[in-house]
């Protein structure tokens, strides 16, 4: 039996913000229909877990009770967006082979590679900091519900 805790809620928020991988579909009428179905599925998972924890964050900040929760919710959503935007210089390349060949021919390959590795390391550290911040904010918003654990059975009711 699967157990769902605060980490599961955070994972659901992260997955809902991540667009589906276009290479995952194959038996669907169209990519857009498939993509929308995946988005709906991810949003439903978020809402189910939000209902269990009593934190309707995805439905807007007005659904949060105390004003402190609204402010924390705003920072939570902003942090999710910041994490989604965290990319390196090679983030837009599907295949950087041609780029690396050009860098090698120019003599800058080693220096550029070293800087790209530094950026990737810094981005990895920034990702971890974002995840820690998101978890801390969830704990604060959930209060005494932060350590609850739900089963599949609990969520299907």
C-alpha atoms as a PDB file:
ATOM      1  CA  UNK A   1       0.000   0.000   0.000  1.00  0.00           C
ATOM      2  CA  UNK A   2       1.347   3.413  -1.000  1.00  0.00           C
ATOM      3  CA  UNK A   3       1.782   6.048   1.693  1.00  0.00           C
ATOM      4  CA  UNK A   4       1.490   9.774   0.986  1.00  0.00           C
ATOM      5  CA  UNK A   5       3.205  12.307   3.200  1.00  0.00           C
ATOM      6  CA  UNK A   6       4.298  15.940   2.907  1.00  0.00           C
ATOM      7  CA  UNK A   7       7.042  14.885   0.484  1.00  0.00           C
ATOM      8  CA  UNK A   8       4.371  13.326  -1.745  1.00  0.00           C
ATOM      9  CA  UNK A   9       2.512  16.635  -1.764  1.00  0.00           C
ATOM     10  CA  UNK A  10       5.698  18.500  -2.692  1.00  0.00           C
ATOM     11  CA  UNK A  11       6.451  15.947  -5.433  1.00  0.00           C
ATOM     12  CA  UNK A  12       2.923  16.442  -6.808  1.00  0.00           C
ATOM     13  CA  UNK A  13       3.434  20.217  -6.970  1.00  0.00           C
ATOM     14  CA  UNK A  14       6.764  19.714  -8.733  1.00  0.00           C
ATOM     15  CA  UNK A  15       5.297  17.256 -11.248  1.00  0.00           C
ATOM     16  CA  UNK A  16       2.307  19.494 -11.938  1.00  0.00           C
ATOM     17  CA  UNK A  17       4.650  22.321 -12.845  1.00  0.00           C
ATOM     18  CA  UNK A  18       6.721  20.151 -15.164  1.00  0.00           C
ATOM     19  CA  UNK A  19       5.378  19.838 -18.693  1.00  0.00           C
ATOM     20  CA  UNK A  20       4.919  16.266 -19.943  1.00  0.00           C
ATOM     21  CA  UNK A  21       7.760  14.836 -21.970  1.00  0.00           C
ATOM     22  CA  UNK A  22       6.642  14.830 -25.611  1.00  0.00           C
ATOM     23  CA  UNK A  23       8.396  11.494 -26.199  1.00  0.00           C
ATOM     24  CA  UNK A  24       6.198   9.625 -23.667  1.00  0.00           C
ATOM     25  CA  UNK A  25       3.083   9.375 -25.863  1.00  0.00           C
ATOM     26  CA  UNK A  26       2.325   6.892 -28.589  1.00  0.00           C
ATOM     27  CA  UNK A  27      -1.290   5.603 -28.619  1.00  0.00           C
ATOM     28  CA  UNK A  28      -3.198   8.874 -28.546  1.00  0.00           C
ATOM     29  CA  UNK A  29      -5.199  10.785 -31.166  1.00  0.00           C
ATOM     30  CA  UNK A  30      -2.973  13.804 -30.879  1.00  0.00           C
ATOM     31  CA  UNK A  31      -0.116  15.033 -28.815  1.00  0.00           C
ATOM     32  CA  UNK A  32      -2.143  17.997 -27.535  1.00  0.00           C
ATOM     33  CA  UNK A  33      -4.971  15.733 -26.296  1.00  0.00           C
ATOM     34  CA  UNK A  34      -2.438  13.492 -24.598  1.00  0.00           C
ATOM     35  CA  UNK A  35      -0.589  16.463 -23.115  1.00  0.00           C
ATOM     36  CA  UNK A  36      -3.801  17.952 -21.717  1.00  0.00           C
ATOM     37  CA  UNK A  37      -4.784  14.578 -20.237  1.00  0.00           C
ATOM     38  CA  UNK A  38      -1.414  14.349 -18.462  1.00  0.00           C
ATOM     39  CA  UNK A  39      -1.741  17.902 -17.133  1.00  0.00           C
ATOM     40  CA  UNK A  40      -5.270  17.138 -15.886  1.00  0.00           C
ATOM     41  CA  UNK A  41      -3.989  13.935 -14.244  1.00  0.00           C
ATOM     42  CA  UNK A  42      -1.180  15.787 -12.472  1.00  0.00           C
ATOM     43  CA  UNK A  43      -3.516  18.566 -11.323  1.00  0.00           C
ATOM     44  CA  UNK A  44      -5.999  15.990 -10.002  1.00  0.00           C
ATOM     45  CA  UNK A  45      -3.205  14.379  -7.969  1.00  0.00           C
ATOM     46  CA  UNK A  46      -2.289  17.774  -6.492  1.00  0.00           C
ATOM     47  CA  UNK A  47      -5.919  18.511  -5.589  1.00  0.00           C
ATOM     48  CA  UNK A  48      -6.441  15.084  -4.010  1.00  0.00           C
ATOM     49  CA  UNK A  49      -3.391  15.538  -1.786  1.00  0.00           C
ATOM     50  CA  UNK A  50      -4.297  19.157  -1.031  1.00  0.00           C
ATOM     51  CA  UNK A  51      -7.752  18.030   0.097  1.00  0.00           C
ATOM     52  CA  UNK A  52      -6.222  15.378   2.355  1.00  0.00           C
ATOM     53  CA  UNK A  53      -3.832  17.889   3.931  1.00  0.00           C
ATOM     54  CA  UNK A  54      -6.403  20.706   3.986  1.00  0.00           C
ATOM     55  CA  UNK A  55      -4.225  23.059   1.942  1.00  0.00           C
ATOM     56  CA  UNK A  56      -6.003  24.248  -1.247  1.00  0.00           C
ATOM     57  CA  UNK A  57      -2.981  26.150  -2.568  1.00  0.00           C
ATOM     58  CA  UNK A  58      -3.500  25.315  -6.256  1.00  0.00           C
ATOM     59  CA  UNK A  59      -6.966  26.864  -6.160  1.00  0.00           C
ATOM     60  CA  UNK A  60      -5.608  30.300  -5.394  1.00  0.00           C
ATOM     61  CA  UNK A  61      -4.336  32.120  -2.355  1.00  0.00           C
ATOM     62  CA  UNK A  62      -7.835  33.198  -1.318  1.00  0.00           C
ATOM     63  CA  UNK A  63      -8.545  29.572  -0.336  1.00  0.00           C
ATOM     64  CA  UNK A  64      -5.898  29.743   2.357  1.00  0.00           C
ATOM     65  CA  UNK A  65      -7.277  30.677   5.742  1.00  0.00           C
ATOM     66  CA  UNK A  66      -4.952  32.876   7.783  1.00  0.00           C
ATOM     67  CA  UNK A  67      -3.193  35.836   6.204  1.00  0.00           C
ATOM     68  CA  UNK A  68       0.144  34.282   7.229  1.00  0.00           C
ATOM     69  CA  UNK A  69      -0.725  31.233   5.132  1.00  0.00           C
ATOM     70  CA  UNK A  70      -1.508  33.456   2.150  1.00  0.00           C
ATOM     71  CA  UNK A  71       1.860  35.195   2.389  1.00  0.00           C
ATOM     72  CA  UNK A  72       3.671  31.858   2.795  1.00  0.00           C
ATOM     73  CA  UNK A  73       1.624  30.453  -0.092  1.00  0.00           C
ATOM     74  CA  UNK A  74       2.732  33.309  -2.300  1.00  0.00           C
ATOM     75  CA  UNK A  75       6.396  32.607  -1.466  1.00  0.00           C
ATOM     76  CA  UNK A  76       5.804  28.881  -2.043  1.00  0.00           C
ATOM     77  CA  UNK A  77       4.359  29.496  -5.517  1.00  0.00           C
ATOM     78  CA  UNK A  78       7.117  31.972  -6.335  1.00  0.00           C
ATOM     79  CA  UNK A  79       9.742  29.439  -5.226  1.00  0.00           C
ATOM     80  CA  UNK A  80       8.172  26.737  -7.427  1.00  0.00           C
ATOM     81  CA  UNK A  81       8.358  29.113 -10.382  1.00  0.00           C
ATOM     82  CA  UNK A  82      11.949  30.025  -9.557  1.00  0.00           C
ATOM     83  CA  UNK A  83      12.885  26.338  -9.432  1.00  0.00           C
ATOM     84  CA  UNK A  84      11.202  25.697 -12.794  1.00  0.00           C
ATOM     85  CA  UNK A  85      13.171  28.578 -14.315  1.00  0.00           C
ATOM     86  CA  UNK A  86      16.524  27.328 -13.028  1.00  0.00           C
ATOM     87  CA  UNK A  87      18.425  26.372 -16.160  1.00  0.00           C
ATOM     88  CA  UNK A  88      21.956  26.351 -17.452  1.00  0.00           C
ATOM     89  CA  UNK A  89      23.324  27.701 -20.727  1.00  0.00           C
ATOM     90  CA  UNK A  90      22.855  24.316 -22.424  1.00  0.00           C
ATOM     91  CA  UNK A  91      19.202  24.008 -21.332  1.00  0.00           C
ATOM     92  CA  UNK A  92      17.864  24.887 -24.775  1.00  0.00           C
ATOM     93  CA  UNK A  93      20.053  22.469 -26.743  1.00  0.00           C
ATOM     94  CA  UNK A  94      18.688  19.085 -27.804  1.00  0.00           C
ATOM     95  CA  UNK A  95      22.106  18.144 -29.150  1.00  0.00           C
ATOM     96  CA  UNK A  96      25.162  20.237 -28.370  1.00  0.00           C
ATOM     97  CA  UNK A  97      27.598  18.137 -30.412  1.00  0.00           C
ATOM     98  CA  UNK A  98      28.077  20.801 -33.083  1.00  0.00           C
ATOM     99  CA  UNK A  99      28.606  23.439 -30.394  1.00  0.00           C
ATOM    100  CA  UNK A 100      31.290  21.403 -28.639  1.00  0.00           C
ATOM    101  CA  UNK A 101      33.089  20.729 -31.912  1.00  0.00           C
ATOM    102  CA  UNK A 102      33.107  24.470 -32.661  1.00  0.00           C
ATOM    103  CA  UNK A 103      34.404  25.191 -29.157  1.00  0.00           C
ATOM    104  CA  UNK A 104      37.214  22.670 -29.579  1.00  0.00           C
ATOM    105  CA  UNK A 105      38.187  24.126 -32.948  1.00  0.00           C
ATOM    106  CA  UNK A 106      38.245  27.613 -31.411  1.00  0.00           C
ATOM    107  CA  UNK A 107      40.504  26.465 -28.587  1.00  0.00           C
ATOM    108  CA  UNK A 108      37.967  27.510 -25.942  1.00  0.00           C
ATOM    109  CA  UNK A 109      36.518  24.027 -25.318  1.00  0.00           C
ATOM    110  CA  UNK A 110      38.294  23.285 -22.040  1.00  0.00           C
ATOM    111  CA  UNK A 111      37.660  26.708 -20.526  1.00  0.00           C
ATOM    112  CA  UNK A 112      33.989  26.709 -21.549  1.00  0.00           C
ATOM    113  CA  UNK A 113      33.530  23.146 -20.293  1.00  0.00           C
ATOM    114  CA  UNK A 114      35.019  24.078 -16.916  1.00  0.00           C
ATOM    115  CA  UNK A 115      32.647  27.050 -16.575  1.00  0.00           C
ATOM    116  CA  UNK A 116      29.651  24.956 -17.671  1.00  0.00           C
ATOM    117  CA  UNK A 117      30.515  22.437 -14.970  1.00  0.00           C
ATOM    118  CA  UNK A 118      30.711  25.225 -12.367  1.00  0.00           C
ATOM    119  CA  UNK A 119      27.305  26.528 -13.458  1.00  0.00           C
ATOM    120  CA  UNK A 120      25.816  23.029 -13.333  1.00  0.00           C
ATOM    121  CA  UNK A 121      27.209  22.524  -9.825  1.00  0.00           C
ATOM    122  CA  UNK A 122      25.839  25.894  -8.675  1.00  0.00           C
ATOM    123  CA  UNK A 123      22.455  25.086 -10.238  1.00  0.00           C
ATOM    124  CA  UNK A 124      22.437  21.724  -8.440  1.00  0.00           C
ATOM    125  CA  UNK A 125      23.079  23.489  -5.143  1.00  0.00           C
ATOM    126  CA  UNK A 126      20.372  26.055  -5.973  1.00  0.00           C
ATOM    127  CA  UNK A 127      17.904  23.218  -6.782  1.00  0.00           C
ATOM    128  CA  UNK A 128      18.585  21.618  -3.404  1.00  0.00           C
ATOM    129  CA  UNK A 129      18.122  24.973  -1.642  1.00  0.00           C
ATOM    130  CA  UNK A 130      14.808  25.493  -3.476  1.00  0.00           C
ATOM    131  CA  UNK A 131      13.607  22.020  -2.409  1.00  0.00           C
ATOM    132  CA  UNK A 132      14.578  22.640   1.221  1.00  0.00           C
ATOM    133  CA  UNK A 133      12.793  26.004   1.148  1.00  0.00           C
ATOM    134  CA  UNK A 134       9.671  24.472  -0.407  1.00  0.00           C
ATOM    135  CA  UNK A 135       9.582  21.754   2.255  1.00  0.00           C
ATOM    136  CA  UNK A 136      10.062  24.302   5.045  1.00  0.00           C
ATOM    137  CA  UNK A 137       7.247  26.452   3.648  1.00  0.00           C
ATOM    138  CA  UNK A 138       4.955  23.434   3.359  1.00  0.00           C
ATOM    139  CA  UNK A 139       5.701  22.549   6.985  1.00  0.00           C
ATOM    140  CA  UNK A 140       4.882  26.087   8.060  1.00  0.00           C
ATOM    141  CA  UNK A 141       1.636  26.242   6.060  1.00  0.00           C
ATOM    142  CA  UNK A 142       0.482  22.793   7.175  1.00  0.00           C
ATOM    143  CA  UNK A 143       1.267  23.380  10.840  1.00  0.00           C
ATOM    144  CA  UNK A 144       0.139  20.420  12.942  1.00  0.00           C
ATOM    145  CA  UNK A 145      -0.862  18.562   9.736  1.00  0.00           C
ATOM    146  CA  UNK A 146       2.712  18.579   8.384  1.00  0.00           C
ATOM    147  CA  UNK A 147       3.513  15.047   9.537  1.00  0.00           C
ATOM    148  CA  UNK A 148       0.277  13.376   8.457  1.00  0.00           C
ATOM    149  CA  UNK A 149       0.522  10.270   6.292  1.00  0.00           C
ATOM    150  CA  UNK A 150      -2.301   9.013   4.072  1.00  0.00           C
ATOM    151  CA  UNK A 151      -2.865   5.694   2.333  1.00  0.00           C
ATOM    152  CA  UNK A 152      -4.425   4.989  -1.057  1.00  0.00           C
ATOM    153  CA  UNK A 153      -7.547   4.030   0.854  1.00  0.00           C
ATOM    154  CA  UNK A 154      -7.645   7.376   2.659  1.00  0.00           C
ATOM    155  CA  UNK A 155      -7.398   9.271  -0.622  1.00  0.00           C
ATOM    156  CA  UNK A 156     -10.044   7.277  -2.475  1.00  0.00           C
ATOM    157  CA  UNK A 157     -12.828   8.166  -0.010  1.00  0.00           C
END
